[in-house]
Protein backbone atom coordinates (compact mmCIF):
# COMPACT_ATOMS: atom_id res chain seq x y z
CA UNK A 1 0.00 0.00 0.00
CA UNK A 2 1.34 3.40 -1.01
CA UNK A 3 1.46 6.00 1.73
CA UNK A 4 0.32 9.53 1.00
CA UNK A 5 2.71 12.18 2.39
CA UNK A 6 1.38 14.15 5.34
CA UNK A 7 1.70 17.40 3.36
CA UNK A 8 -0.68 16.06 0.70
CA UNK A 9 -3.17 14.91 3.33
CA UNK A 10 -2.96 18.28 5.07
CA UNK A 11 -3.56 20.08 1.79
CA UNK A 12 -6.59 17.86 1.12
CA UNK A 13 -8.03 18.67 4.56
CA UNK A 14 -7.44 22.39 4.07
CA UNK A 15 -9.20 22.27 0.72
CA UNK A 16 -12.14 20.48 2.35
CA UNK A 17 -12.36 23.14 5.06
CA UNK A 18 -12.14 25.89 2.46
CA UNK A 19 -14.95 24.28 0.47
CA UNK A 20 -17.16 24.00 3.56
CA UNK A 21 -16.55 27.64 4.50
CA UNK A 22 -17.18 28.68 0.92
CA UNK A 23 -20.60 27.01 0.95
CA UNK A 24 -21.63 27.96 4.48
CA UNK A 25 -20.36 31.52 4.78
CA UNK A 26 -21.04 33.01 1.37
CA UNK A 27 -24.36 33.76 -0.30
CA UNK A 28 -25.07 31.82 -3.52
CA UNK A 29 -24.74 34.92 -5.72
CA UNK A 30 -21.26 35.59 -4.31
CA UNK A 31 -20.21 31.96 -4.83
CA UNK A 32 -21.44 32.17 -8.40
CA UNK A 33 -19.26 35.23 -9.07
CA UNK A 34 -16.23 33.52 -7.52
CA UNK A 35 -16.80 30.41 -9.63
CA UNK A 36 -16.99 32.56 -12.76
CA UNK A 37 -13.82 34.43 -11.81
CA UNK A 38 -12.00 31.14 -11.18
CA UNK A 39 -13.11 29.82 -14.57
CA UNK A 40 -11.87 32.98 -16.30
CA UNK A 41 -8.51 32.71 -14.51
CA UNK A 42 -8.19 29.08 -15.63
CA UNK A 43 -9.06 30.03 -19.21
CA UNK A 44 -6.35 32.71 -19.08
CA UNK A 45 -3.83 30.12 -17.91
CA UNK A 46 -4.94 27.80 -20.71
CA UNK A 47 -4.32 30.56 -23.25
CA UNK A 48 -0.82 31.12 -21.86
CA UNK A 49 -0.05 27.41 -22.01
CA UNK A 50 -1.43 27.10 -25.54
CA UNK A 51 0.81 29.96 -26.69
CA UNK A 52 3.87 28.45 -25.01
CA UNK A 53 3.15 25.07 -26.60
CA UNK A 54 2.72 26.68 -30.01
CA UNK A 55 6.01 28.57 -29.72
CA UNK A 56 7.79 25.40 -28.62
CA UNK A 57 6.33 23.52 -31.58
CA UNK A 58 7.39 26.23 -34.02
CA UNK A 59 10.93 26.18 -32.60
CA UNK A 60 11.08 22.40 -32.83
CA UNK A 61 9.70 22.41 -36.39
CA UNK A 62 12.23 24.99 -37.58
CA UNK A 63 15.13 23.06 -36.02
CA UNK A 64 13.97 19.88 -37.73
CA UNK A 65 13.53 21.48 -41.15
CA UNK A 66 15.84 19.87 -43.76
CA UNK A 67 17.81 23.06 -44.31
CA UNK A 68 18.57 23.38 -40.59
CA UNK A 69 19.44 19.80 -39.75
CA UNK A 70 23.04 19.89 -40.93
CA UNK A 71 24.33 16.49 -41.91
CA UNK A 72 23.34 16.69 -45.60
CA UNK A 73 24.25 19.23 -48.20
CA UNK A 74 24.55 19.36 -51.97
CA UNK A 75 28.02 18.96 -53.40
CA UNK A 76 28.86 20.17 -56.87
CA UNK A 77 30.53 17.46 -59.00
CA UNK A 78 32.61 18.38 -62.01
CA UNK A 79 32.12 15.97 -64.90
C-alpha atoms as a PDB file:
ATOM      1  CA  UNK A   1       0.000   0.000   0.000  1.00  0.00           C
ATOM      2  CA  UNK A   2       1.336   3.396  -1.013  1.00  0.00           C
ATOM      3  CA  UNK A   3       1.455   5.997   1.732  1.00  0.00           C
ATOM      4  CA  UNK A   4       0.321   9.525   0.997  1.00  0.00           C
ATOM      5  CA  UNK A   5       2.706  12.185   2.388  1.00  0.00           C
ATOM      6  CA  UNK A   6       1.380  14.145   5.344  1.00  0.00           C
ATOM      7  CA  UNK A   7       1.700  17.405   3.364  1.00  0.00           C
ATOM      8  CA  UNK A   8      -0.679  16.063   0.700  1.00  0.00           C
ATOM      9  CA  UNK A   9      -3.168  14.906   3.328  1.00  0.00           C
ATOM     10  CA  UNK A  10      -2.957  18.282   5.074  1.00  0.00           C
ATOM     11  CA  UNK A  11      -3.559  20.078   1.791  1.00  0.00           C
ATOM     12  CA  UNK A  12      -6.592  17.858   1.125  1.00  0.00           C
ATOM     13  CA  UNK A  13      -8.028  18.671   4.556  1.00  0.00           C
ATOM     14  CA  UNK A  14      -7.441  22.391   4.073  1.00  0.00           C
ATOM     15  CA  UNK A  15      -9.199  22.275   0.721  1.00  0.00           C
ATOM     16  CA  UNK A  16     -12.142  20.478   2.352  1.00  0.00           C
ATOM     17  CA  UNK A  17     -12.360  23.144   5.065  1.00  0.00           C
ATOM     18  CA  UNK A  18     -12.144  25.893   2.463  1.00  0.00           C
ATOM     19  CA  UNK A  19     -14.945  24.281   0.473  1.00  0.00           C
ATOM     20  CA  UNK A  20     -17.158  23.997   3.565  1.00  0.00           C
ATOM     21  CA  UNK A  21     -16.552  27.642   4.500  1.00  0.00           C
ATOM     22  CA  UNK A  22     -17.184  28.680   0.922  1.00  0.00           C
ATOM     23  CA  UNK A  23     -20.603  27.011   0.948  1.00  0.00           C
ATOM     24  CA  UNK A  24     -21.635  27.960   4.484  1.00  0.00           C
ATOM     25  CA  UNK A  25     -20.360  31.518   4.783  1.00  0.00           C
ATOM     26  CA  UNK A  26     -21.041  33.014   1.373  1.00  0.00           C
ATOM     27  CA  UNK A  27     -24.357  33.763  -0.304  1.00  0.00           C
ATOM     28  CA  UNK A  28     -25.075  31.823  -3.519  1.00  0.00           C
ATOM     29  CA  UNK A  29     -24.743  34.918  -5.721  1.00  0.00           C
ATOM     30  CA  UNK A  30     -21.264  35.586  -4.305  1.00  0.00           C
ATOM     31  CA  UNK A  31     -20.213  31.957  -4.826  1.00  0.00           C
ATOM     32  CA  UNK A  32     -21.438  32.166  -8.398  1.00  0.00           C
ATOM     33  CA  UNK A  33     -19.264  35.229  -9.068  1.00  0.00           C
ATOM     34  CA  UNK A  34     -16.231  33.520  -7.518  1.00  0.00           C
ATOM     35  CA  UNK A  35     -16.795  30.409  -9.630  1.00  0.00           C
ATOM     36  CA  UNK A  36     -16.993  32.561 -12.757  1.00  0.00           C
ATOM     37  CA  UNK A  37     -13.822  34.429 -11.805  1.00  0.00           C
ATOM     38  CA  UNK A  38     -12.003  31.138 -11.175  1.00  0.00           C
ATOM     39  CA  UNK A  39     -13.112  29.823 -14.571  1.00  0.00           C
ATOM     40  CA  UNK A  40     -11.866  32.980 -16.304  1.00  0.00           C
ATOM     41  CA  UNK A  41      -8.511  32.712 -14.514  1.00  0.00           C
ATOM     42  CA  UNK A  42      -8.185  29.084 -15.631  1.00  0.00           C
ATOM     43  CA  UNK A  43      -9.065  30.031 -19.214  1.00  0.00           C
ATOM     44  CA  UNK A  44      -6.355  32.711 -19.082  1.00  0.00           C
ATOM     45  CA  UNK A  45      -3.829  30.124 -17.912  1.00  0.00           C
ATOM     46  CA  UNK A  46      -4.942  27.801 -20.711  1.00  0.00           C
ATOM     47  CA  UNK A  47      -4.321  30.562 -23.254  1.00  0.00           C
ATOM     48  CA  UNK A  48      -0.820  31.125 -21.856  1.00  0.00           C
ATOM     49  CA  UNK A  49      -0.054  27.413 -22.009  1.00  0.00           C
ATOM     50  CA  UNK A  50      -1.431  27.095 -25.545  1.00  0.00           C
ATOM     51  CA  UNK A  51       0.806  29.961 -26.688  1.00  0.00           C
ATOM     52  CA  UNK A  52       3.873  28.449 -25.008  1.00  0.00           C
ATOM     53  CA  UNK A  53       3.146  25.067 -26.601  1.00  0.00           C
ATOM     54  CA  UNK A  54       2.716  26.684 -30.012  1.00  0.00           C
ATOM     55  CA  UNK A  55       6.012  28.568 -29.716  1.00  0.00           C
ATOM     56  CA  UNK A  56       7.787  25.398 -28.622  1.00  0.00           C
ATOM     57  CA  UNK A  57       6.333  23.515 -31.577  1.00  0.00           C
ATOM     58  CA  UNK A  58       7.395  26.233 -34.023  1.00  0.00           C
ATOM     59  CA  UNK A  59      10.934  26.184 -32.601  1.00  0.00           C
ATOM     60  CA  UNK A  60      11.076  22.398 -32.831  1.00  0.00           C
ATOM     61  CA  UNK A  61       9.697  22.414 -36.386  1.00  0.00           C
ATOM     62  CA  UNK A  62      12.229  24.994 -37.576  1.00  0.00           C
ATOM     63  CA  UNK A  63      15.129  23.064 -36.023  1.00  0.00           C
ATOM     64  CA  UNK A  64      13.966  19.875 -37.731  1.00  0.00           C
ATOM     65  CA  UNK A  65      13.534  21.477 -41.151  1.00  0.00           C
ATOM     66  CA  UNK A  66      15.842  19.867 -43.757  1.00  0.00           C
ATOM     67  CA  UNK A  67      17.808  23.064 -44.313  1.00  0.00           C
ATOM     68  CA  UNK A  68      18.573  23.381 -40.587  1.00  0.00           C
ATOM     69  CA  UNK A  69      19.442  19.798 -39.753  1.00  0.00           C
ATOM     70  CA  UNK A  70      23.039  19.893 -40.929  1.00  0.00           C
ATOM     71  CA  UNK A  71      24.326  16.494 -41.914  1.00  0.00           C
ATOM     72  CA  UNK A  72      23.345  16.685 -45.601  1.00  0.00           C
ATOM     73  CA  UNK A  73      24.249  19.229 -48.198  1.00  0.00           C
ATOM     74  CA  UNK A  74      24.547  19.363 -51.967  1.00  0.00           C
ATOM     75  CA  UNK A  75      28.023  18.962 -53.398  1.00  0.00           C
ATOM     76  CA  UNK A  76      28.859  20.169 -56.865  1.00  0.00           C
ATOM     77  CA  UNK A  77      30.526  17.464 -58.996  1.00  0.00           C
ATOM     78  CA  UNK A  78      32.605  18.380 -62.014  1.00  0.00           C
ATOM     79  CA  UNK A  79      32.121  15.969 -64.900  1.00  0.00           C
END
